[in-house]
Amino acid sequence: DGDASIRRRPVKSLLDALFALGASTSCNPGGVCPCTVAGTLRGGMTTVDGSNSQFTSSLLIASALGRGDAIILPEHLREQPYVRMTLAWMRELGAVVHDDFPIRFHVPGGQRYQAFDKTVPGDWSSAAFALCAGALTGTVTVTGLYPDDAQGDKAILDVLRQMGSRVDWARQDTGGKDGTEGGCRNVTVSKTALRGVCVNLSDTPDLLPILAVVATQAEGETILYGCAHARSKETDRIAVMAKELALLGADIEATADGLRVRRSQLRGAMVHSHADHRVAMALSVAGLVAADETIIADVGCASITYPGFYRMLERIGAKVSVTQERVSR
């Protein structure tokens, strides 16, 4: 079970896949939580909805511990970098996975994951908000990132470069304890004149909210497309970002699979996160460039993935006041 957001997300495809591999499953009508899963995975062959990478990743991880071999066939796999990251970590921990990526995965059963001592790379999904704040307001440096990381949201740097941002890497001293090839780096993004671009977010839909904000400050039109699955996250992020940025004065239009955004002069207003952590953080960055005060309701959700987000904004110079889960800039 989970919160209201979890209860809205369809999980029947994942439960059906677990059932095909030997588990006993049940869920509420409509294929949503609460749900129950019991028993042992015996192995077998199954398909699974590929629009959500979490389904594929969870089946891969669990199948290595099952009794028999599992063949997993994702249907139209999206968010592919997240699945590649799952495979990389499984193999790092000693698991064997045979793949014809992104169509077929063969996971032998009866395996065990090995203990490890390894530096966990910084989170590019969280770093994207600070990096975009730098692109919009001045210069921001984020530490603890890896240029060869498998995380899909590393693509934020490519997009910012395409839009005209200055991006600089510098080696970070890790005292010889760095276990990742290529080494830990600091990344600095500096404000420059931005231009509109077309960006396919099929593999990185979590970048939609913050890129929509950046697009409001780019000359011309920015088209974010290929991410209809962003409608099935904590919120319908396409509809929510179109609605909330419009309240701030953005020239923005929702499409079936993304957003069209034109350069806009944002102005302070009362907006709402809809209890979505990425929406809350994206709107907070929008507040940095909006004239007058921006008030965002229900920002406690930001702590789901980035507990120190508002402290970070203060460190880079933002005037932030958080009161009863509302934040004003």
C-alpha atoms as a PDB file:
ATOM      1  CA  ASP A   1       0.000   0.000   0.000  1.00  0.00           C
ATOM      2  CA  GLY A   2       1.048   3.630  -0.160  1.00  0.00           C
ATOM      3  CA  ASP A   3      -0.126   7.220  -0.252  1.00  0.00           C
ATOM      4  CA  ALA A   4      -2.794   8.647  -2.548  1.00  0.00           C
ATOM      5  CA  SER A   5      -0.282   8.941  -5.375  1.00  0.00           C
ATOM      6  CA  ILE A   6       0.678   5.266  -5.144  1.00  0.00           C
ATOM      7  CA  ARG A   7      -2.986   4.251  -5.054  1.00  0.00           C
ATOM      8  CA  ARG A   8      -3.582   6.007  -8.367  1.00  0.00           C
ATOM      9  CA  ARG A   9      -0.854   4.162 -10.243  1.00  0.00           C
ATOM     10  CA  PRO A  10      -1.806   1.004 -12.155  1.00  0.00           C
ATOM     11  CA  VAL A  11       0.204  -2.022 -11.012  1.00  0.00           C
ATOM     12  CA  LYS A  12      -1.746  -4.868 -12.603  1.00  0.00           C
ATOM     13  CA  SER A  13       0.884  -5.454 -15.309  1.00  0.00           C
ATOM     14  CA  LEU A  14       3.577  -5.937 -12.662  1.00  0.00           C
ATOM     15  CA  LEU A  15       1.373  -8.226 -10.573  1.00  0.00           C
ATOM     16  CA  ASP A  16       0.472 -10.280 -13.647  1.00  0.00           C
ATOM     17  CA  ALA A  17       4.180 -10.687 -14.410  1.00  0.00           C
ATOM     18  CA  LEU A  18       4.934 -11.784 -10.843  1.00  0.00           C
ATOM     19  CA  PHE A  19       2.049 -14.260 -11.037  1.00  0.00           C
ATOM     20  CA  ALA A  20       3.447 -15.682 -14.286  1.00  0.00           C
ATOM     21  CA  LEU A  21       6.775 -16.212 -12.515  1.00  0.00           C
ATOM     22  CA  GLY A  22       5.148 -18.097  -9.647  1.00  0.00           C
ATOM     23  CA  ALA A  23       4.061 -15.541  -7.050  1.00  0.00           C
ATOM     24  CA  SER A  24       0.568 -15.271  -5.582  1.00  0.00           C
ATOM     25  CA  THR A  25      -0.854 -11.771  -6.124  1.00  0.00           C
ATOM     26  CA  SER A  26      -4.008  -9.715  -5.663  1.00  0.00           C
ATOM     27  CA  CYS A  27      -4.963  -6.056  -5.841  1.00  0.00           C
ATOM     28  CA  ASN A  28      -7.885  -3.665  -5.624  1.00  0.00           C
ATOM     29  CA  PRO A  29     -10.375  -3.378  -8.497  1.00  0.00           C
ATOM     30  CA  GLY A  30      -8.900  -1.294 -11.279  1.00  0.00           C
ATOM     31  CA  GLY A  31      -5.472  -2.839 -10.819  1.00  0.00           C
ATOM     32  CA  VAL A  32      -4.244  -0.420  -8.158  1.00  0.00           C
ATOM     33  CA  CYS A  33      -2.923  -0.652  -4.592  1.00  0.00           C
ATOM     34  CA  PRO A  34      -3.417  -1.899  -1.936  1.00  0.00           C
ATOM     35  CA  CYS A  35      -2.061  -5.183  -3.259  1.00  0.00           C
ATOM     36  CA  THR A  36      -0.567  -8.361  -1.836  1.00  0.00           C
ATOM     37  CA  VAL A  37       2.303 -10.504  -3.101  1.00  0.00           C
ATOM     38  CA  ALA A  38       3.283 -13.844  -1.560  1.00  0.00           C
ATOM     39  CA  GLY A  39       5.146 -17.022  -2.390  1.00  0.00           C
ATOM     40  CA  THR A  40       8.363 -17.747  -4.236  1.00  0.00           C
ATOM     41  CA  LEU A  41       9.314 -16.941  -7.803  1.00  0.00           C
ATOM     42  CA  ARG A  42       9.716 -20.247  -9.635  1.00  0.00           C
ATOM     43  CA  GLY A  43      10.862 -18.774 -12.938  1.00  0.00           C
ATOM     44  CA  GLY A  44       9.279 -18.875 -16.367  1.00  0.00           C
ATOM     45  CA  MET A  45       8.526 -16.393 -19.113  1.00  0.00           C
ATOM     46  CA  THR A  46       6.496 -13.198 -18.808  1.00  0.00           C
ATOM     47  CA  THR A  47       5.729  -9.938 -20.541  1.00  0.00           C
ATOM     48  CA  VAL A  48       5.415  -6.653 -18.650  1.00  0.00           C
ATOM     49  CA  ASP A  49       4.346  -3.108 -19.480  1.00  0.00           C
ATOM     50  CA  GLY A  50       7.537  -1.286 -20.486  1.00  0.00           C
ATOM     51  CA  SER A  51       6.249   2.275 -20.141  1.00  0.00           C
ATOM     52  CA  ASN A  52       7.406   2.263 -16.512  1.00  0.00           C
ATOM     53  CA  SER A  53      11.024   1.169 -16.105  1.00  0.00           C
ATOM     54  CA  GLN A  54      10.428   0.361 -12.435  1.00  0.00           C
ATOM     55  CA  PHE A  55       8.387  -2.696 -13.398  1.00  0.00           C
ATOM     56  CA  THR A  56      11.213  -4.130 -15.495  1.00  0.00           C
ATOM     57  CA  SER A  57      13.901  -3.233 -12.953  1.00  0.00           C
ATOM     58  CA  SER A  58      12.033  -4.805 -10.049  1.00  0.00           C
ATOM     59  CA  LEU A  59      11.443  -8.033 -11.969  1.00  0.00           C
ATOM     60  CA  LEU A  60      15.117  -8.236 -12.926  1.00  0.00           C
ATOM     61  CA  ILE A  61      16.301  -7.766  -9.339  1.00  0.00           C
ATOM     62  CA  ALA A  62      13.809 -10.232  -7.860  1.00  0.00           C
ATOM     63  CA  SER A  63      14.226 -12.901 -10.535  1.00  0.00           C
ATOM     64  CA  ALA A  64      17.891 -13.453  -9.689  1.00  0.00           C
ATOM     65  CA  LEU A  65      16.730 -14.702  -6.276  1.00  0.00           C
ATOM     66  CA  GLY A  66      14.030 -16.996  -7.666  1.00  0.00           C
ATOM     67  CA  ARG A  67      14.236 -20.767  -7.936  1.00  0.00           C
ATOM     68  CA  GLY A  68      14.333 -21.030 -11.705  1.00  0.00           C
ATOM     69  CA  ASP A  69      15.378 -19.031 -14.729  1.00  0.00           C
ATOM     70  CA  ALA A  70      13.189 -16.097 -15.741  1.00  0.00           C
ATOM     71  CA  ILE A  71      12.657 -14.645 -19.206  1.00  0.00           C
ATOM     72  CA  ILE A  72      11.345 -11.075 -19.045  1.00  0.00           C
ATOM     73  CA  LEU A  73       9.922  -9.453 -22.183  1.00  0.00           C
ATOM     74  CA  PRO A  74       9.131  -5.744 -21.665  1.00  0.00           C
ATOM     75  CA  GLU A  75       6.578  -4.311 -24.072  1.00  0.00           C
ATOM     76  CA  HIS A  76       7.821  -1.056 -25.657  1.00  0.00           C
ATOM     77  CA  LEU A  77      10.451  -0.371 -22.994  1.00  0.00           C
ATOM     78  CA  ARG A  78      10.850   3.303 -22.150  1.00  0.00           C
ATOM     79  CA  GLU A  79      13.104   5.022 -19.609  1.00  0.00           C
ATOM     80  CA  GLN A  80      15.809   2.682 -20.878  1.00  0.00           C
ATOM     81  CA  PRO A  81      18.771   4.287 -19.047  1.00  0.00           C
ATOM     82  CA  TYR A  82      17.198   3.349 -15.710  1.00  0.00           C
ATOM     83  CA  VAL A  83      17.062  -0.303 -16.766  1.00  0.00           C
ATOM     84  CA  ARG A  84      20.669  -0.149 -17.964  1.00  0.00           C
ATOM     85  CA  MET A  85      21.606   1.216 -14.539  1.00  0.00           C
ATOM     86  CA  THR A  86      19.759  -1.675 -12.884  1.00  0.00           C
ATOM     87  CA  LEU A  87      21.683  -4.182 -15.008  1.00  0.00           C
ATOM     88  CA  ALA A  88      24.987  -2.477 -14.218  1.00  0.00           C
ATOM     89  CA  TRP A  89      24.382  -2.645 -10.474  1.00  0.00           C
ATOM     90  CA  MET A  90      23.162  -6.248 -10.598  1.00  0.00           C
ATOM     91  CA  ARG A  91      26.348  -7.262 -12.386  1.00  0.00           C
ATOM     92  CA  GLU A  92      28.443  -5.179 -10.000  1.00  0.00           C
ATOM     93  CA  LEU A  93      26.937  -7.226  -7.163  1.00  0.00           C
ATOM     94  CA  GLY A  94      27.764 -10.521  -8.867  1.00  0.00           C
ATOM     95  CA  ALA A  95      24.485 -11.364 -10.602  1.00  0.00           C
ATOM     96  CA  VAL A  96      24.391 -12.876 -14.081  1.00  0.00           C
ATOM     97  CA  VAL A  97      21.920 -11.408 -16.568  1.00  0.00           C
ATOM     98  CA  HIS A  98      21.783 -12.191 -20.287  1.00  0.00           C
ATOM     99  CA  ASP A  99      20.056  -9.533 -22.355  1.00  0.00           C
ATOM    100  CA  ASP A 100      19.017  -8.697 -25.869  1.00  0.00           C
ATOM    101  CA  PHE A 101      18.412  -5.113 -24.822  1.00  0.00           C
ATOM    102  CA  PRO A 102      15.712  -3.781 -24.730  1.00  0.00           C
ATOM    103  CA  ILE A 103      13.608  -6.723 -25.926  1.00  0.00           C
ATOM    104  CA  ARG A 104      14.525  -9.774 -23.866  1.00  0.00           C
ATOM    105  CA  PHE A 105      16.191 -10.433 -20.512  1.00  0.00           C
ATOM    106  CA  HIS A 106      17.233 -13.881 -19.256  1.00  0.00           C
ATOM    107  CA  VAL A 107      17.910 -14.016 -15.504  1.00  0.00           C
ATOM    108  CA  PRO A 108      19.184 -17.345 -14.102  1.00  0.00           C
ATOM    109  CA  GLY A 109      17.607 -18.188 -10.760  1.00  0.00           C
ATOM    110  CA  GLY A 110      19.241 -19.317  -7.551  1.00  0.00           C
ATOM    111  CA  GLN A 111      21.700 -16.443  -7.385  1.00  0.00           C
ATOM    112  CA  ARG A 112      22.870 -14.344  -4.444  1.00  0.00           C
ATOM    113  CA  TYR A 113      23.927 -10.720  -4.374  1.00  0.00           C
ATOM    114  CA  GLN A 114      27.418 -10.051  -3.036  1.00  0.00           C
ATOM    115  CA  ALA A 115      28.242  -7.456  -0.408  1.00  0.00           C
ATOM    116  CA  PHE A 116      30.166  -4.488  -1.763  1.00  0.00           C
ATOM    117  CA  ASP A 117      32.150  -1.414  -0.807  1.00  0.00           C
ATOM    118  CA  LYS A 118      31.644   1.202  -3.474  1.00  0.00           C
ATOM    119  CA  THR A 119      31.082   4.917  -3.760  1.00  0.00           C
ATOM    120  CA  VAL A 120      27.446   5.577  -4.650  1.00  0.00           C
ATOM    121  CA  PRO A 121      27.347   8.242  -7.372  1.00  0.00           C
ATOM    122  CA  GLY A 122      25.494  11.501  -6.883  1.00  0.00           C
ATOM    123  CA  ASP A 123      21.874  11.646  -8.021  1.00  0.00           C
ATOM    124  CA  TRP A 124      21.532  13.326 -11.402  1.00  0.00           C
ATOM    125  CA  SER A 125      17.749  13.605 -11.024  1.00  0.00           C
ATOM    126  CA  SER A 126      18.211  15.851  -7.992  1.00  0.00           C
ATOM    127  CA  ALA A 127      21.252  17.638  -9.404  1.00  0.00           C
ATOM    128  CA  ALA A 128      19.195  18.715 -12.425  1.00  0.00           C
ATOM    129  CA  PHE A 129      17.296  21.272 -10.341  1.00  0.00           C
ATOM    130  CA  ALA A 130      20.452  22.964  -9.043  1.00  0.00           C
ATOM    131  CA  LEU A 131      22.097  22.873 -12.477  1.00  0.00           C
ATOM    132  CA  CYS A 132      19.046  24.452 -14.099  1.00  0.00           C
ATOM    133  CA  ALA A 133      18.954  27.095 -11.374  1.00  0.00           C
ATOM    134  CA  GLY A 134      22.491  27.977 -12.425  1.00  0.00           C
ATOM    135  CA  ALA A 135      21.470  28.161 -16.076  1.00  0.00           C
ATOM    136  CA  LEU A 136      18.734  30.650 -15.146  1.00  0.00           C
ATOM    137  CA  THR A 137      20.224  32.794 -12.397  1.00  0.00           C
ATOM    138  CA  GLY A 138      24.028  32.833 -12.335  1.00  0.00           C
ATOM    139  CA  THR A 139      26.620  30.161 -11.640  1.00  0.00           C
ATOM    140  CA  VAL A 140      26.029  26.950  -9.682  1.00  0.00           C
ATOM    141  CA  THR A 141      28.498  24.127  -9.003  1.00  0.00           C
ATOM    142  CA  VAL A 142      27.292  20.644  -8.052  1.00  0.00           C
ATOM    143  CA  THR A 143      29.765  18.189  -6.533  1.00  0.00           C
ATOM    144  CA  GLY A 144      29.870  14.401  -6.447  1.00  0.00           C
ATOM    145  CA  LEU A 145      28.822  13.622 -10.023  1.00  0.00           C
ATOM    146  CA  TYR A 146      30.336  11.167 -12.505  1.00  0.00           C
ATOM    147  CA  PRO A 147      30.659  11.861 -16.246  1.00  0.00           C
ATOM    148  CA  ASP A 148      30.404   8.147 -17.130  1.00  0.00           C
ATOM    149  CA  ASP A 149      27.389   7.466 -14.918  1.00  0.00           C
ATOM    150  CA  ALA A 150      24.605   5.273 -16.314  1.00  0.00           C
ATOM    151  CA  GLN A 151      21.872   7.495 -14.882  1.00  0.00           C
ATOM    152  CA  GLY A 152      19.616   8.735 -17.648  1.00  0.00           C
ATOM    153  CA  ASP A 153      19.036  12.168 -16.166  1.00  0.00           C
ATOM    154  CA  LYS A 154      22.685  12.994 -16.838  1.00  0.00           C
ATOM    155  CA  ALA A 155      21.186  14.057 -20.186  1.00  0.00           C
ATOM    156  CA  ILE A 156      20.278  17.367 -18.527  1.00  0.00           C
ATOM    157  CA  LEU A 157      23.789  18.593 -19.365  1.00  0.00           C
ATOM    158  CA  ASP A 158      23.368  17.809 -23.061  1.00  0.00           C
ATOM    159  CA  VAL A 159      20.059  19.663 -23.143  1.00  0.00           C
ATOM    160  CA  LEU A 160      21.457  22.700 -21.328  1.00  0.00           C
ATOM    161  CA  ARG A 161      24.389  22.794 -23.766  1.00  0.00           C
ATOM    162  CA  GLN A 162      21.974  22.635 -26.717  1.00  0.00           C
ATOM    163  CA  MET A 163      20.081  25.558 -25.211  1.00  0.00           C
ATOM    164  CA  GLY A 164      23.307  27.562 -24.958  1.00  0.00           C
ATOM    165  CA  SER A 165      24.340  27.130 -21.323  1.00  0.00           C
ATOM    166  CA  ARG A 166      27.987  27.018 -20.374  1.00  0.00           C
ATOM    167  CA  VAL A 167      28.859  23.691 -18.720  1.00  0.00           C
ATOM    168  CA  ASP A 168      32.270  23.019 -17.149  1.00  0.00           C
ATOM    169  CA  TRP A 169      33.675  19.871 -15.514  1.00  0.00           C
ATOM    170  CA  ALA A 170      36.437  19.841 -12.886  1.00  0.00           C
ATOM    171  CA  ARG A 171      37.997  16.856 -11.128  1.00  0.00           C
ATOM    172  CA  GLN A 172      36.982  16.465  -7.499  1.00  0.00           C
ATOM    173  CA  ASP A 173      39.532  15.271  -4.948  1.00  0.00           C
ATOM    174  CA  THR A 174      38.172  12.060  -3.402  1.00  0.00           C
ATOM    175  CA  GLY A 175      41.255  11.156  -1.394  1.00  0.00           C
ATOM    176  CA  GLY A 176      41.973   8.123  -3.542  1.00  0.00           C
ATOM    177  CA  LYS A 177      38.732   6.415  -2.501  1.00  0.00           C
ATOM    178  CA  ASP A 178      36.887   6.900  -5.742  1.00  0.00           C
ATOM    179  CA  GLY A 179      35.674   3.561  -7.087  1.00  0.00           C
ATOM    180  CA  THR A 180      34.082   4.781 -10.302  1.00  0.00           C
ATOM    181  CA  GLU A 181      35.989   4.807 -13.569  1.00  0.00           C
ATOM    182  CA  GLY A 182      36.541   8.341 -14.782  1.00  0.00           C
ATOM    183  CA  GLY A 183      36.449   9.796 -11.279  1.00  0.00           C
ATOM    184  CA  CYS A 184      34.195  12.078  -9.324  1.00  0.00           C
ATOM    185  CA  ARG A 185      33.679  15.554 -10.778  1.00  0.00           C
ATOM    186  CA  ASN A 186      32.289  18.961  -9.994  1.00  0.00           C
ATOM    187  CA  VAL A 187      29.920  20.349 -12.625  1.00  0.00           C
ATOM    188  CA  THR A 188      29.422  24.089 -13.028  1.00  0.00           C
ATOM    189  CA  VAL A 189      26.607  25.607 -15.072  1.00  0.00           C
ATOM    190  CA  SER A 190      26.613  29.339 -15.781  1.00  0.00           C
ATOM    191  CA  LYS A 191      23.866  31.628 -17.009  1.00  0.00           C
ATOM    192  CA  THR A 192      23.943  32.594 -20.681  1.00  0.00           C
ATOM    193  CA  ALA A 193      21.359  33.534 -23.294  1.00  0.00           C
ATOM    194  CA  LEU A 194      19.207  30.461 -23.912  1.00  0.00           C
ATOM    195  CA  ARG A 195      17.508  29.316 -27.104  1.00  0.00           C
ATOM    196  CA  GLY A 196      14.559  27.001 -27.648  1.00  0.00           C
ATOM    197  CA  VAL A 197      15.154  23.380 -28.641  1.00  0.00           C
ATOM    198  CA  CYS A 198      13.261  20.163 -29.374  1.00  0.00           C
ATOM    199  CA  VAL A 199      13.939  17.446 -26.806  1.00  0.00           C
ATOM    200  CA  ASN A 200      12.809  13.806 -26.846  1.00  0.00           C
ATOM    201  CA  LEU A 201      12.178  12.845 -23.201  1.00  0.00           C
ATOM    202  CA  SER A 202      11.151   9.240 -23.850  1.00  0.00           C
ATOM    203  CA  ASP A 203      14.055   7.945 -21.753  1.00  0.00           C
ATOM    204  CA  THR A 204      14.133  10.799 -19.226  1.00  0.00           C
ATOM    205  CA  PRO A 205      10.553  11.895 -18.439  1.00  0.00           C
ATOM    206  CA  ASP A 206      11.529  13.071 -14.946  1.00  0.00           C
ATOM    207  CA  LEU A 207      13.296  16.033 -16.581  1.00  0.00           C
ATOM    208  CA  LEU A 208      10.012  17.375 -17.967  1.00  0.00           C
ATOM    209  CA  PRO A 209       9.063  19.645 -15.015  1.00  0.00           C
ATOM    210  CA  ILE A 210      12.403  21.431 -14.672  1.00  0.00           C
ATOM    211  CA  LEU A 211      12.996  21.700 -18.424  1.00  0.00           C
ATOM    212  CA  ALA A 212       9.564  23.286 -18.800  1.00  0.00           C
ATOM    213  CA  VAL A 213      10.744  25.981 -16.388  1.00  0.00           C
ATOM    214  CA  VAL A 214      14.035  26.519 -18.230  1.00  0.00           C
ATOM    215  CA  ALA A 215      12.127  26.748 -21.513  1.00  0.00           C
ATOM    216  CA  THR A 216      10.192  29.792 -20.285  1.00  0.00           C
ATOM    217  CA  GLN A 217      13.477  31.723 -20.345  1.00  0.00           C
ATOM    218  CA  ALA A 218      14.695  30.504 -23.741  1.00  0.00           C
ATOM    219  CA  GLU A 219      14.368  32.556 -26.912  1.00  0.00           C
ATOM    220  CA  GLY A 220      11.785  31.101 -29.291  1.00  0.00           C
ATOM    221  CA  GLU A 221       9.894  27.870 -28.746  1.00  0.00           C
ATOM    222  CA  THR A 222      10.925  24.729 -26.891  1.00  0.00           C
ATOM    223  CA  ILE A 223       9.172  21.436 -27.640  1.00  0.00           C
ATOM    224  CA  LEU A 224       9.367  18.651 -25.061  1.00  0.00           C
ATOM    225  CA  TYR A 225       7.974  15.435 -26.542  1.00  0.00           C
ATOM    226  CA  GLY A 226       7.972  11.641 -26.355  1.00  0.00           C
ATOM    227  CA  CYS A 227       6.956  11.480 -22.698  1.00  0.00           C
ATOM    228  CA  ALA A 228       3.263  10.627 -22.577  1.00  0.00           C
ATOM    229  CA  HIS A 229       4.210   8.300 -19.706  1.00  0.00           C
ATOM    230  CA  ALA A 230       4.912  11.429 -17.623  1.00  0.00           C
ATOM    231  CA  ARG A 231       1.132  11.595 -17.238  1.00  0.00           C
ATOM    232  CA  SER A 232       1.301   8.473 -15.033  1.00  0.00           C
ATOM    233  CA  LYS A 233       3.834   9.648 -12.454  1.00  0.00           C
ATOM    234  CA  GLU A 234       2.923  11.097  -9.042  1.00  0.00           C
ATOM    235  CA  THR A 235       0.674  13.415 -11.038  1.00  0.00           C
ATOM    236  CA  ASP A 236      -0.126  13.999 -14.677  1.00  0.00           C
ATOM    237  CA  ARG A 237       3.031  16.081 -14.953  1.00  0.00           C
ATOM    238  CA  ILE A 238       2.223  17.346 -18.431  1.00  0.00           C
ATOM    239  CA  ALA A 239      -1.139  18.783 -17.380  1.00  0.00           C
ATOM    240  CA  VAL A 240       0.075  19.984 -13.981  1.00  0.00           C
ATOM    241  CA  MET A 241       3.127  21.845 -15.292  1.00  0.00           C
ATOM    242  CA  ALA A 242       1.056  23.459 -18.045  1.00  0.00           C
ATOM    243  CA  LYS A 243      -1.505  24.626 -15.487  1.00  0.00           C
ATOM    244  CA  GLU A 244       0.870  25.869 -12.795  1.00  0.00           C
ATOM    245  CA  LEU A 245       3.369  27.595 -15.093  1.00  0.00           C
ATOM    246  CA  ALA A 246       0.464  29.314 -16.860  1.00  0.00           C
ATOM    247  CA  LEU A 247      -0.517  30.756 -13.468  1.00  0.00           C
ATOM    248  CA  LEU A 248       2.986  32.243 -13.329  1.00  0.00           C
ATOM    249  CA  GLY A 249       2.482  33.799 -16.757  1.00  0.00           C
ATOM    250  CA  ALA A 250       4.107  31.189 -18.977  1.00  0.00           C
ATOM    251  CA  ASP A 251       3.139  30.824 -22.622  1.00  0.00           C
ATOM    252  CA  ILE A 252       2.747  27.061 -22.464  1.00  0.00           C
ATOM    253  CA  GLU A 253       0.633  24.391 -24.138  1.00  0.00           C
ATOM    254  CA  ALA A 254       0.149  20.739 -23.220  1.00  0.00           C
ATOM    255  CA  THR A 255       0.333  18.208 -26.046  1.00  0.00           C
ATOM    256  CA  ALA A 256      -0.485  14.514 -26.057  1.00  0.00           C
ATOM    257  CA  ASP A 257       3.103  13.571 -25.226  1.00  0.00           C
ATOM    258  CA  GLY A 258       4.713  16.692 -23.823  1.00  0.00           C
ATOM    259  CA  LEU A 259       4.744  20.488 -23.757  1.00  0.00           C
ATOM    260  CA  ARG A 260       5.279  23.449 -26.061  1.00  0.00           C
ATOM    261  CA  VAL A 261       6.805  26.395 -24.225  1.00  0.00           C
ATOM    262  CA  ARG A 262       7.621  29.880 -25.489  1.00  0.00           C
ATOM    263  CA  ARG A 263       9.725  32.546 -23.840  1.00  0.00           C
ATOM    264  CA  SER A 264       7.758  34.262 -21.100  1.00  0.00           C
ATOM    265  CA  GLN A 265       8.088  36.874 -18.387  1.00  0.00           C
ATOM    266  CA  LEU A 266       7.108  34.982 -15.270  1.00  0.00           C
ATOM    267  CA  ARG A 267       5.370  36.792 -12.443  1.00  0.00           C
ATOM    268  CA  GLY A 268       4.844  35.696  -8.869  1.00  0.00           C
ATOM    269  CA  ALA A 269       1.613  33.896  -8.026  1.00  0.00           C
ATOM    270  CA  MET A 270       0.113  31.231  -5.779  1.00  0.00           C
ATOM    271  CA  VAL A 271       0.741  27.784  -7.271  1.00  0.00           C
ATOM    272  CA  HIS A 272       0.446  24.190  -6.052  1.00  0.00           C
ATOM    273  CA  SER A 273       2.778  21.196  -6.166  1.00  0.00           C
ATOM    274  CA  HIS A 274      -0.094  18.682  -6.307  1.00  0.00           C
ATOM    275  CA  ALA A 275       1.990  16.669  -3.804  1.00  0.00           C
ATOM    276  CA  ASP A 276       4.524  15.870  -6.551  1.00  0.00           C
ATOM    277  CA  HIS A 277       8.135  16.340  -5.448  1.00  0.00           C
ATOM    278  CA  ARG A 278       9.457  17.167  -8.911  1.00  0.00           C
ATOM    279  CA  VAL A 279       6.683  19.675  -9.534  1.00  0.00           C
ATOM    280  CA  ALA A 280       7.389  21.335  -6.164  1.00  0.00           C
ATOM    281  CA  MET A 281      11.094  21.682  -6.932  1.00  0.00           C
ATOM    282  CA  ALA A 282      10.538  22.845 -10.515  1.00  0.00           C
ATOM    283  CA  LEU A 283       8.075  25.543  -9.430  1.00  0.00           C
ATOM    284  CA  SER A 284      10.540  26.658  -6.761  1.00  0.00           C
ATOM    285  CA  VAL A 285      13.196  27.189  -9.437  1.00  0.00           C
ATOM    286  CA  ALA A 286      10.601  29.083 -11.481  1.00  0.00           C
ATOM    287  CA  GLY A 287      10.159  31.347  -8.475  1.00  0.00           C
ATOM    288  CA  LEU A 288      13.818  32.347  -8.748  1.00  0.00           C
ATOM    289  CA  VAL A 289      13.175  34.087 -12.078  1.00  0.00           C
ATOM    290  CA  ALA A 290       9.586  35.263 -11.504  1.00  0.00           C
ATOM    291  CA  ALA A 291       8.931  38.891 -10.667  1.00  0.00           C
ATOM    292  CA  ASP A 292       7.592  39.451  -7.136  1.00  0.00           C
ATOM    293  CA  GLU A 293       6.833  36.678  -4.656  1.00  0.00           C
ATOM    294  CA  THR A 294       5.899  33.132  -5.595  1.00  0.00           C
ATOM    295  CA  ILE A 295       4.027  30.997  -3.069  1.00  0.00           C
ATOM    296  CA  ILE A 296       3.996  27.224  -3.565  1.00  0.00           C
ATOM    297  CA  ALA A 297       1.571  25.092  -1.578  1.00  0.00           C
ATOM    298  CA  ASP A 298       2.409  21.613  -0.290  1.00  0.00           C
ATOM    299  CA  VAL A 299       6.181  21.528  -0.676  1.00  0.00           C
ATOM    300  CA  GLY A 300       6.838  18.911   1.994  1.00  0.00           C
ATOM    301  CA  CYS A 301       6.789  16.343  -0.802  1.00  0.00           C
ATOM    302  CA  ALA A 302      10.194  17.617  -1.981  1.00  0.00           C
ATOM    303  CA  SER A 303      11.769  15.706   0.901  1.00  0.00           C
ATOM    304  CA  ILE A 304      10.778  12.427  -0.780  1.00  0.00           C
ATOM    305  CA  THR A 305      13.880  12.603  -2.963  1.00  0.00           C
ATOM    306  CA  TYR A 306      15.731  15.764  -1.913  1.00  0.00           C
ATOM    307  CA  PRO A 307      15.351  16.554   1.814  1.00  0.00           C
ATOM    308  CA  GLY A 308      17.884  19.392   1.604  1.00  0.00           C
ATOM    309  CA  PHE A 309      16.426  21.045  -1.483  1.00  0.00           C
ATOM    310  CA  TYR A 310      15.352  24.311   0.125  1.00  0.00           C
ATOM    311  CA  ARG A 311      18.609  24.593   2.062  1.00  0.00           C
ATOM    312  CA  MET A 312      20.365  24.206  -1.282  1.00  0.00           C
ATOM    313  CA  LEU A 313      18.339  27.079  -2.745  1.00  0.00           C
ATOM    314  CA  GLU A 314      19.341  29.265   0.181  1.00  0.00           C
ATOM    315  CA  ARG A 315      23.012  28.367  -0.314  1.00  0.00           C
ATOM    316  CA  ILE A 316      22.909  29.570  -3.910  1.00  0.00           C
ATOM    317  CA  GLY A 317      21.354  32.863  -2.844  1.00  0.00           C
ATOM    318  CA  ALA A 318      17.588  32.371  -2.965  1.00  0.00           C
ATOM    319  CA  LYS A 319      15.362  34.013  -0.377  1.00  0.00           C
ATOM    320  CA  VAL A 320      13.204  31.143   0.810  1.00  0.00           C
ATOM    321  CA  SER A 321      10.675  30.865   3.620  1.00  0.00           C
ATOM    322  CA  VAL A 322       9.041  27.503   4.306  1.00  0.00           C
ATOM    323  CA  THR A 323       5.973  27.648   6.559  1.00  0.00           C
ATOM    324  CA  GLN A 324       3.502  24.811   7.122  1.00  0.00           C
ATOM    325  CA  GLU A 325       4.669  23.115   3.948  1.00  0.00           C
ATOM    326  CA  ARG A 326       4.355  26.263   1.855  1.00  0.00           C
ATOM    327  CA  VAL A 327       7.350  28.034   0.439  1.00  0.00           C
ATOM    328  CA  SER A 328       7.641  31.601  -0.752  1.00  0.00           C
ATOM    329  CA  ARG A 329      10.398  33.188  -2.781  1.00  0.00           C
END
